Amino acid sequence: MKKTIIILIPPSEGKAPGGEGKPIQPNKDAREMLKRLHGYDGEWGKLLGVKGKALDAALEANASILKSPTLPAIERYSGVVYDGIDYASMKASARRTFDERVRIVSALFGLVQPQDLIPNYKLKIDKLNAAAYWKPIIVKQLKDSFVIDLLPQAHHKAVGYPDGIRVDFVCEKNGKRKPAGHFGKLIKGRFVRWLCENKLADPKRFSSFDEDGYRWNGECFIKVEC
């Protein structure tokens, strides 16, 4: 049986407000996470990682999850990875491949497809035991897939798959390696776009991707002296 190709990417902290879609009807798995979120009675600033006006906005968004308007996930998430993807400028064929293959790992909704309608919300994957909750669910969803995993460590803990490859972007200086950081997220987004534009999944072809000096060494993308 031919395996489904799945590209895993993280959500973004930044999210576009508003929307025109109907309020979400969460499935039973998401309802459990909503129950945990709405039942939380601790320090909200610590849970959500924001304060001041940002905390007020996050609390308002979370309180309205079941009644607020929705947007397709690819429009809702607005972080640096998504800037690199630049979905709106992709050709129709590449967008179709993106919609078929890409899944976003959300703390609140689990595996999200790009065109799934979701509300604005605030919750990190390392809070409320979200990663441990979603892992057995996501493992079942990915069991027949070949996975290209571009998740950061916190989101990687929420997934599992028997067949696939994890792809990291790292910088090397004086023989020492470290995560590529903020700008590496932009290159990661461009890599996802490149995969979809070229309909690629074979890691042997990854060496053809060349952005800002990042080169595939068979295990990860490395940029020297960055």
Foldseek 3Di string as FASTA:
>chain_A
DDAFAAEEEAFAQAWDAAADAFQDDADPLLVVVLCLVVVDDDDQCVQQVDDDPVSVVQVVQSVCFRGGHWFQSLRTGDALLSVLQVLVPDDPQLNVLQQRHYWYQDLRRGTGGRRDIGHDHTGDNPHPVSLVSQAVVQAVVAARHAYEYAYDPSNVSNYDYPHYAYEFEWEAEPRDIDGPPRVSSSVNSNLSSVCSNVVDGDLVCQQVDADPQFGDPSRYTYHYPD
